[in-house]
């Protein structure tokens, strides 16, 4: 909340555009000046409390219902999806006549669920700043439900993010800049109103997406303490955006029989068939890929990777030209190295390089063992699979 009750109020910071449209399309241009080294931001659940003078033009509190204990528990989980990626320490306090949170959440009974699931006020010095009002049919907002995604979305507004497109559930006209239609969807932002046609039908987001994470980390800093060890992420059609800046982490598609596209590069997406499976937030480390039984394509990154294609006819894609890599075979793998990074390949049939050459995996091993370059004997194929 803003200036209705001052005992727990954080200051509001005015932001400037960055010149990066993917970030600028997300910013309200205000955020909270979180307090102390723990970056504390307070929240509360009002019942009666105190709402200050001239709360808003609608004075939503005059027709409110408090969140029940189950709804409050789900709201805390929704807050945690943001603190997992950003350096925000959400602290709950009592809501009464002498104090209230910067963020307050309750139900407003005048919201028509047919036209709106709720709304959140941007950070501001007004009494309503940071407050969230949910529609009366919010239910228990279980993880994976539409209303849990709504809580995540409205918290995004309350901490400084806007819609990335020219739309709003109210009567106001939103201000740009906006994302292009190709990225104004759930795969890139939980703040979007648009589903992504390549996501599983009926899927609801369970956390912020690629551009949300990038923008909120700009405002509050990144939570670099998330997932400190080596973690494995199972690829499924339940889409997830992964923020994991630590350790050696795995994208595991070994249970899948459809053709996979596994991308270990931060800022990119992995697919099961044509269905989105995962996105990697900028700054995420992923160094291990496990393919399934289909014909998989795996994209490497600059960190150096361990790749097992599994069964099927699998392809690994490198960003550099063939000549920039040193190759060393063993009995069951081939290792490519460049600078200080190395890539270990097993159960891979094709390796593709940026200069469009597509070398048969077996030929890489033969060439490395014989000291010959691929193409000095039979086995090198161009991108159209004609022998060179």
Protein backbone atom coordinates (compact mmCIF):
# COMPACT_ATOMS: atom_id res chain seq x y z
CA UNK A 1 0.00 0.00 0.00
CA UNK A 2 1.02 3.60 -0.31
CA UNK A 3 0.64 6.40 2.18
CA UNK A 4 -2.49 5.29 4.04
CA UNK A 5 -0.43 3.63 6.79
CA UNK A 6 3.24 4.50 7.07
CA UNK A 7 4.72 2.02 9.56
CA UNK A 8 5.58 -0.64 6.95
CA UNK A 9 5.75 1.44 3.81
CA UNK A 10 8.63 1.10 1.39
CA UNK A 11 9.68 4.01 -0.76
CA UNK A 12 8.81 4.01 -4.45
CA UNK A 13 11.52 4.30 -7.11
CA UNK A 14 10.90 5.80 -10.54
CA UNK A 15 12.51 3.84 -13.37
CA UNK A 16 13.69 4.70 -16.87
CA UNK A 17 13.43 2.74 -20.10
CA UNK A 18 16.48 0.63 -20.94
CA UNK A 19 16.32 0.54 -24.73
CA UNK A 20 15.72 -3.23 -24.64
CA UNK A 21 12.14 -3.75 -25.82
CA UNK A 22 11.86 -7.17 -24.17
CA UNK A 23 12.45 -5.44 -20.81
CA UNK A 24 10.81 -2.07 -21.47
CA UNK A 25 7.54 -3.72 -22.57
CA UNK A 26 7.27 -5.18 -19.06
CA UNK A 27 8.01 -2.13 -16.90
CA UNK A 28 5.47 0.09 -15.11
CA UNK A 29 8.41 2.46 -14.51
CA UNK A 30 7.96 2.30 -10.73
CA UNK A 31 9.11 -0.31 -8.24
CA UNK A 32 9.58 -0.64 -4.49
CA UNK A 33 12.82 0.39 -2.83
CA UNK A 34 13.14 -2.84 -0.86
CA UNK A 35 14.62 -2.36 2.58
CA UNK A 36 17.97 -3.56 4.00
CA UNK A 37 20.42 -6.21 2.84
CA UNK A 38 17.61 -8.81 2.83
CA UNK A 39 15.64 -6.69 0.32
CA UNK A 40 12.51 -6.87 2.47
CA UNK A 41 9.07 -6.09 1.07
CA UNK A 42 6.06 -6.38 3.38
CA UNK A 43 2.67 -7.90 2.60
CA UNK A 44 -0.52 -8.42 4.56
CA UNK A 45 -4.04 -9.79 4.34
CA UNK A 46 -6.62 -7.14 5.31
CA UNK A 47 -9.89 -7.85 7.01
CA UNK A 48 -11.06 -4.49 8.21
CA UNK A 49 -7.80 -2.69 8.83
CA UNK A 50 -7.32 0.90 7.83
CA UNK A 51 -7.49 2.09 4.25
CA UNK A 52 -6.47 5.71 4.52
CA UNK A 53 -8.29 8.68 3.13
CA UNK A 54 -9.11 8.73 -0.59
CA UNK A 55 -8.00 5.13 -1.02
CA UNK A 56 -9.02 5.02 -4.69
CA UNK A 57 -11.82 6.27 -6.93
CA UNK A 58 -13.62 2.95 -6.36
CA UNK A 59 -12.78 2.46 -2.66
CA UNK A 60 -12.72 -1.32 -3.21
CA UNK A 61 -12.47 -2.04 0.51
CA UNK A 62 -16.12 -1.04 1.01
CA UNK A 63 -17.17 -4.30 -0.66
CA UNK A 64 -14.42 -6.73 0.24
CA UNK A 65 -14.00 -10.24 1.61
CA UNK A 66 -10.81 -11.37 3.30
CA UNK A 67 -8.89 -14.29 1.80
CA UNK A 68 -9.46 -17.49 3.77
CA UNK A 69 -6.54 -19.45 5.20
CA UNK A 70 -6.25 -21.71 2.16
CA UNK A 71 -6.23 -18.78 -0.24
CA UNK A 72 -3.65 -17.00 1.89
CA UNK A 73 -1.44 -20.10 1.74
CA UNK A 74 -1.65 -20.12 -2.06
CA UNK A 75 -0.89 -16.41 -2.21
CA UNK A 76 2.29 -17.05 -0.21
CA UNK A 77 3.28 -19.73 -2.74
CA UNK A 78 2.63 -17.27 -5.57
CA UNK A 79 4.88 -14.71 -3.85
CA UNK A 80 7.56 -17.40 -3.59
CA UNK A 81 7.59 -17.86 -7.38
CA UNK A 82 8.84 -14.27 -7.62
CA UNK A 83 11.29 -14.38 -4.71
CA UNK A 84 12.79 -17.55 -6.21
CA UNK A 85 13.99 -15.56 -9.23
CA UNK A 86 14.41 -12.04 -7.78
CA UNK A 87 16.18 -10.68 -4.75
CA UNK A 88 12.98 -9.90 -2.82
CA UNK A 89 12.36 -11.09 0.72
CA UNK A 90 8.57 -11.02 1.22
CA UNK A 91 7.71 -10.67 4.92
CA UNK A 92 4.16 -11.04 6.20
CA UNK A 93 2.89 -8.62 8.86
CA UNK A 94 -0.44 -8.14 10.59
CA UNK A 95 -2.89 -5.81 8.88
CA UNK A 96 -4.57 -3.44 11.35
CA UNK A 97 -5.20 0.21 12.06
CA UNK A 98 -1.52 0.90 12.77
CA UNK A 99 0.28 -1.10 10.06
CA UNK A 100 -0.20 -2.83 6.75
CA UNK A 101 1.91 -4.38 4.03
CA UNK A 102 3.21 -2.65 0.95
CA UNK A 103 1.24 -5.36 -0.85
CA UNK A 104 -2.25 -6.25 0.44
CA UNK A 105 -4.45 -8.96 -1.06
CA UNK A 106 -8.21 -9.47 -0.67
CA UNK A 107 -11.37 -10.24 -2.67
CA UNK A 108 -13.43 -7.46 -4.19
CA UNK A 109 -17.05 -8.55 -4.55
CA UNK A 110 -17.87 -6.03 -7.26
CA UNK A 111 -15.53 -7.67 -9.81
CA UNK A 112 -17.49 -9.47 -12.52
CA UNK A 113 -15.70 -12.82 -13.03
CA UNK A 114 -17.01 -12.93 -16.60
CA UNK A 115 -14.84 -9.96 -17.51
CA UNK A 116 -12.01 -9.93 -14.96
CA UNK A 117 -10.24 -12.29 -12.58
CA UNK A 118 -8.77 -9.46 -10.55
CA UNK A 119 -6.42 -6.50 -10.74
CA UNK A 120 -3.36 -5.16 -9.02
CA UNK A 121 -2.24 -1.60 -8.44
CA UNK A 122 1.29 -0.65 -9.48
CA UNK A 123 3.81 0.49 -6.83
CA UNK A 124 3.01 4.07 -5.86
CA UNK A 125 2.70 6.47 -2.94
CA UNK A 126 -1.09 6.34 -3.19
CA UNK A 127 -2.92 4.42 -0.48
CA UNK A 128 -3.86 1.77 -3.05
CA UNK A 129 -0.32 1.29 -4.38
CA UNK A 130 0.68 -2.39 -4.48
CA UNK A 131 -2.76 -3.69 -3.45
CA UNK A 132 -4.32 -6.71 -5.17
CA UNK A 133 -8.05 -7.35 -5.57
CA UNK A 134 -9.21 -10.78 -6.70
CA UNK A 135 -12.59 -11.78 -8.15
CA UNK A 136 -15.06 -13.49 -5.78
CA UNK A 137 -14.78 -16.87 -7.57
CA UNK A 138 -11.06 -17.22 -6.83
CA UNK A 139 -11.63 -20.57 -5.06
CA UNK A 140 -8.64 -22.23 -3.45
CA UNK A 141 -6.28 -21.28 -6.31
CA UNK A 142 -4.42 -24.60 -6.40
CA UNK A 143 -1.01 -24.65 -8.11
CA UNK A 144 -1.67 -25.18 -11.82
CA UNK A 145 -5.10 -23.54 -11.71
CA UNK A 146 -6.09 -20.37 -13.54
CA UNK A 147 -6.45 -18.46 -10.28
CA UNK A 148 -2.99 -19.44 -9.04
CA UNK A 149 -1.64 -18.02 -12.31
CA UNK A 150 -3.82 -14.96 -11.66
CA UNK A 151 -2.18 -14.45 -8.27
CA UNK A 152 1.27 -14.61 -9.89
CA UNK A 153 0.13 -12.14 -12.56
CA UNK A 154 -1.34 -9.63 -10.10
CA UNK A 155 1.74 -9.81 -7.86
CA UNK A 156 3.71 -8.93 -10.98
CA UNK A 157 1.69 -5.71 -11.24
CA UNK A 158 2.14 -5.01 -7.52
CA UNK A 159 5.94 -5.20 -7.77
CA UNK A 160 6.36 -3.22 -10.99
CA UNK A 161 5.39 -5.13 -14.14
CA UNK A 162 2.69 -4.20 -16.66
CA UNK A 163 0.94 -5.99 -19.49
CA UNK A 164 3.29 -6.38 -22.46
CA UNK A 165 0.47 -5.66 -24.94
CA UNK A 166 -2.11 -2.98 -25.64
CA UNK A 167 -4.92 -4.44 -23.55
CA UNK A 168 -6.39 -4.21 -20.08
CA UNK A 169 -9.33 -5.74 -18.24
CA UNK A 170 -10.45 -2.27 -17.10
CA UNK A 171 -11.30 0.91 -18.92
CA UNK A 172 -7.81 2.39 -18.97
CA UNK A 173 -5.64 2.57 -22.09
CA UNK A 174 -2.24 1.01 -21.34
CA UNK A 175 0.97 2.73 -22.31
CA UNK A 176 3.67 1.20 -24.50
CA UNK A 177 6.14 0.06 -25.45
CA UNK A 178 4.72 -3.38 -26.25
CA UNK A 179 6.05 -6.75 -27.32
CA UNK A 180 5.50 -7.88 -30.91
CA UNK A 181 2.73 -10.45 -31.34
CA UNK A 182 5.29 -13.23 -31.76
CA UNK A 183 6.46 -12.88 -28.13
CA UNK A 184 3.35 -11.42 -26.44
CA UNK A 185 2.28 -14.76 -24.97
CA UNK A 186 2.64 -16.99 -21.92
CA UNK A 187 5.92 -18.55 -23.02
CA UNK A 188 7.53 -15.14 -22.59
CA UNK A 189 5.38 -13.52 -19.91
CA UNK A 190 2.86 -14.42 -17.24
CA UNK A 191 1.77 -10.77 -17.59
CA UNK A 192 0.48 -11.48 -21.11
CA UNK A 193 -3.19 -12.16 -21.89
CA UNK A 194 -2.29 -14.52 -24.74
CA UNK A 195 -1.75 -18.25 -24.73
CA UNK A 196 1.03 -19.73 -26.82
CA UNK A 197 -0.33 -22.09 -29.48
CA UNK A 198 2.60 -24.47 -28.90
CA UNK A 199 1.82 -24.92 -25.21
CA UNK A 200 -0.25 -27.85 -24.01
CA UNK A 201 -3.94 -27.02 -24.29
CA UNK A 202 -5.44 -25.74 -21.03
CA UNK A 203 -2.08 -25.26 -19.35
CA UNK A 204 -1.81 -22.52 -16.70
CA UNK A 205 1.56 -21.07 -15.74
CA UNK A 206 3.02 -21.87 -12.32
CA UNK A 207 5.66 -19.13 -12.26
CA UNK A 208 7.04 -16.13 -14.13
CA UNK A 209 8.30 -16.63 -17.67
CA UNK A 210 11.39 -15.58 -19.62
CA UNK A 211 10.84 -11.83 -19.97
CA UNK A 212 9.20 -11.49 -16.54
CA UNK A 213 12.33 -12.89 -14.91
CA UNK A 214 14.62 -10.67 -16.94
CA UNK A 215 12.64 -7.52 -16.05
CA UNK A 216 12.09 -8.24 -12.36
CA UNK A 217 15.78 -9.07 -11.90
CA UNK A 218 16.61 -5.70 -13.42
CA UNK A 219 14.42 -4.00 -10.78
CA UNK A 220 15.37 -6.01 -7.68
CA UNK A 221 18.44 -8.03 -8.59
CA UNK A 222 18.65 -11.76 -9.27
CA UNK A 223 18.29 -14.38 -6.56
CA UNK A 224 21.61 -16.11 -7.20
CA UNK A 225 21.13 -18.40 -4.21
CA UNK A 226 18.38 -20.38 -5.94
CA UNK A 227 19.15 -24.07 -6.61
CA UNK A 228 22.76 -24.11 -5.36
CA UNK A 229 23.53 -27.71 -6.36
CA UNK A 230 23.43 -29.85 -9.50
CA UNK A 231 19.79 -30.24 -10.53
CA UNK A 232 17.88 -32.27 -13.09
CA UNK A 233 14.77 -30.94 -14.84
CA UNK A 234 12.47 -33.49 -16.46
CA UNK A 235 11.05 -32.39 -19.79
CA UNK A 236 7.30 -32.80 -20.09
CA UNK A 237 4.40 -30.98 -21.74
CA UNK A 238 3.79 -29.16 -18.43
CA UNK A 239 5.74 -26.09 -19.51
CA UNK A 240 8.24 -24.60 -17.07
CA UNK A 241 10.64 -21.66 -17.16
CA UNK A 242 13.84 -22.62 -15.34
CA UNK A 243 15.93 -20.21 -13.30
CA UNK A 244 19.03 -22.03 -12.04
CA UNK A 245 22.28 -20.03 -12.06
CA UNK A 246 24.34 -22.60 -10.16
CA UNK A 247 25.88 -26.04 -10.56
CA UNK A 248 25.82 -28.42 -13.50
CA UNK A 249 22.19 -28.92 -14.47
CA UNK A 250 20.41 -31.44 -16.66
CA UNK A 251 17.53 -31.24 -19.13
CA UNK A 252 16.23 -34.80 -19.10
CA UNK A 253 14.05 -36.02 -21.96
CA UNK A 254 14.91 -39.69 -21.56
CA UNK A 255 11.28 -40.67 -20.81
CA UNK A 256 10.03 -39.21 -24.10
CA UNK A 257 9.38 -41.11 -27.33
CA UNK A 258 8.51 -38.08 -29.48
CA UNK A 259 11.25 -36.22 -31.31
CA UNK A 260 12.81 -33.67 -28.95
CA UNK A 261 14.43 -30.31 -29.47
CA UNK A 262 16.58 -29.70 -26.39
CA UNK A 263 18.20 -26.29 -26.18
CA UNK A 264 20.86 -25.76 -23.52
CA UNK A 265 21.25 -22.05 -24.36
CA UNK A 266 19.81 -19.53 -21.89
CA UNK A 267 16.96 -17.53 -23.36
CA UNK A 268 15.77 -20.41 -25.56
CA UNK A 269 13.12 -23.13 -25.48
CA UNK A 270 12.94 -26.92 -25.61
CA UNK A 271 10.14 -28.90 -27.26
CA UNK A 272 8.55 -32.34 -27.17
CA UNK A 273 7.44 -32.77 -30.74
CA UNK A 274 5.88 -29.37 -31.46
CA UNK A 275 4.83 -28.76 -27.84
CA UNK A 276 6.76 -26.35 -25.63
CA UNK A 277 8.37 -28.10 -22.68
CA UNK A 278 10.75 -25.62 -21.04
CA UNK A 279 12.40 -22.24 -21.34
CA UNK A 280 15.73 -21.29 -19.80
CA UNK A 281 15.82 -17.88 -18.13
CA UNK A 282 18.79 -15.69 -18.99
CA UNK A 283 21.67 -16.62 -16.68
CA UNK A 284 20.54 -20.23 -16.23
CA UNK A 285 23.21 -22.93 -16.49
CA UNK A 286 22.38 -26.18 -18.29
CA UNK A 287 25.28 -28.46 -19.19
CA UNK A 288 23.76 -31.94 -19.50
CA UNK A 289 21.15 -33.18 -22.00
CA UNK A 290 19.49 -36.58 -22.08
CA UNK A 291 17.60 -37.49 -25.23
CA UNK A 292 14.74 -39.98 -25.55
CA UNK A 293 13.92 -42.69 -28.07
CA UNK A 294 12.94 -40.35 -30.90
CA UNK A 295 15.07 -38.46 -33.39
CA UNK A 296 16.29 -35.61 -31.20
CA UNK A 297 18.09 -32.33 -31.90
CA UNK A 298 20.22 -30.89 -29.09
CA UNK A 299 21.65 -27.38 -29.15
CA UNK A 300 24.88 -26.80 -27.22
CA UNK A 301 25.95 -23.72 -25.28
CA UNK A 302 29.29 -22.08 -24.51
CA UNK A 303 29.65 -23.74 -21.08
CA UNK A 304 30.61 -27.18 -22.37
CA UNK A 305 28.13 -30.01 -22.17
CA UNK A 306 27.63 -33.71 -21.66
CA UNK A 307 25.13 -35.02 -24.17
CA UNK A 308 23.57 -38.46 -24.49
CA UNK A 309 21.24 -38.65 -27.45
CA UNK A 310 19.66 -41.93 -26.37
CA UNK A 311 18.00 -44.09 -28.99
CA UNK A 312 16.93 -42.75 -32.37
CA UNK A 313 18.78 -40.73 -34.99
CA UNK A 314 20.05 -37.77 -32.97
CA UNK A 315 21.75 -34.53 -33.99
CA UNK A 316 23.89 -32.17 -31.90
CA UNK A 317 24.25 -28.57 -33.06
CA UNK A 318 27.31 -26.39 -32.40
CA UNK A 319 27.49 -22.63 -32.92
CA UNK A 320 31.05 -22.56 -34.30
CA UNK A 321 32.62 -23.69 -37.55
CA UNK A 322 33.99 -27.23 -37.65
CA UNK A 323 37.63 -26.14 -37.81
CA UNK A 324 37.39 -24.28 -34.49
CA UNK A 325 36.99 -27.49 -32.46
CA UNK A 326 39.54 -30.08 -31.38
CA UNK A 327 38.20 -33.65 -31.43
CA UNK A 328 39.20 -36.58 -29.22
CA UNK A 329 37.44 -39.98 -29.31
CA UNK A 330 37.13 -42.70 -26.71
CA UNK A 331 35.57 -46.15 -26.95
CA UNK A 332 31.99 -44.86 -26.62
CA UNK A 333 32.12 -41.07 -26.87
CA UNK A 334 33.58 -38.19 -28.80
CA UNK A 335 34.79 -35.06 -27.03
CA UNK A 336 34.99 -31.72 -28.79
CA UNK A 337 36.83 -28.84 -27.18
CA UNK A 338 37.21 -25.14 -27.87
CA UNK A 339 39.05 -22.76 -25.58
CA UNK A 340 38.42 -23.92 -22.04
CA UNK A 341 35.13 -25.69 -22.76
CA UNK A 342 34.54 -29.28 -23.83
CA UNK A 343 31.54 -31.25 -25.04
CA UNK A 344 31.17 -35.00 -24.55
CA UNK A 345 28.86 -36.77 -27.01
CA UNK A 346 27.40 -40.26 -26.70
CA UNK A 347 24.72 -41.99 -28.79
CA UNK A 348 24.75 -39.18 -31.35
CA UNK A 349 24.50 -39.87 -35.07
CA UNK A 350 25.01 -36.39 -36.58
CA UNK A 351 26.95 -33.30 -35.58
CA UNK A 352 26.12 -29.97 -37.20
CA UNK A 353 28.39 -26.92 -37.27
CA UNK A 354 27.74 -23.26 -38.09
CA UNK A 355 29.46 -23.47 -41.47
CA UNK A 356 26.56 -25.74 -42.57
CA UNK A 357 28.66 -28.90 -42.76
CA UNK A 358 26.90 -31.88 -41.23
CA UNK A 359 29.39 -34.54 -40.20
CA UNK A 360 28.37 -38.08 -39.41
CA UNK A 361 29.19 -38.79 -35.77
CA UNK A 362 30.94 -42.04 -36.65
CA UNK A 363 33.10 -40.13 -39.12
CA UNK A 364 34.20 -37.69 -36.43
CA UNK A 365 35.47 -40.64 -34.38
CA UNK A 366 37.17 -42.22 -37.40
CA UNK A 367 38.82 -38.96 -38.40
CA UNK A 368 40.04 -38.21 -34.90
CA UNK A 369 41.44 -41.74 -34.46
CA UNK A 370 43.18 -41.64 -37.83
CA UNK A 371 44.36 -38.05 -37.55
CA UNK A 372 42.46 -37.14 -40.72
CA UNK A 373 39.97 -34.36 -41.14
CA UNK A 374 36.41 -35.44 -41.93
CA UNK A 375 35.98 -35.41 -45.67
CA UNK A 376 39.45 -36.85 -46.39
CA UNK A 377 37.72 -40.21 -46.66
CA UNK A 378 34.11 -41.30 -47.09
CA UNK A 379 31.57 -40.27 -44.51
CA UNK A 380 31.21 -36.47 -44.50
CA UNK A 381 27.76 -35.30 -45.51
CA UNK A 382 26.52 -31.85 -46.43
CA UNK A 383 23.27 -30.38 -45.08
CA UNK A 384 21.30 -32.15 -47.85
CA UNK A 385 22.84 -35.52 -46.92
CA UNK A 386 24.84 -35.89 -50.13
CA UNK A 387 28.25 -37.43 -49.81
CA UNK A 388 31.07 -34.97 -50.32
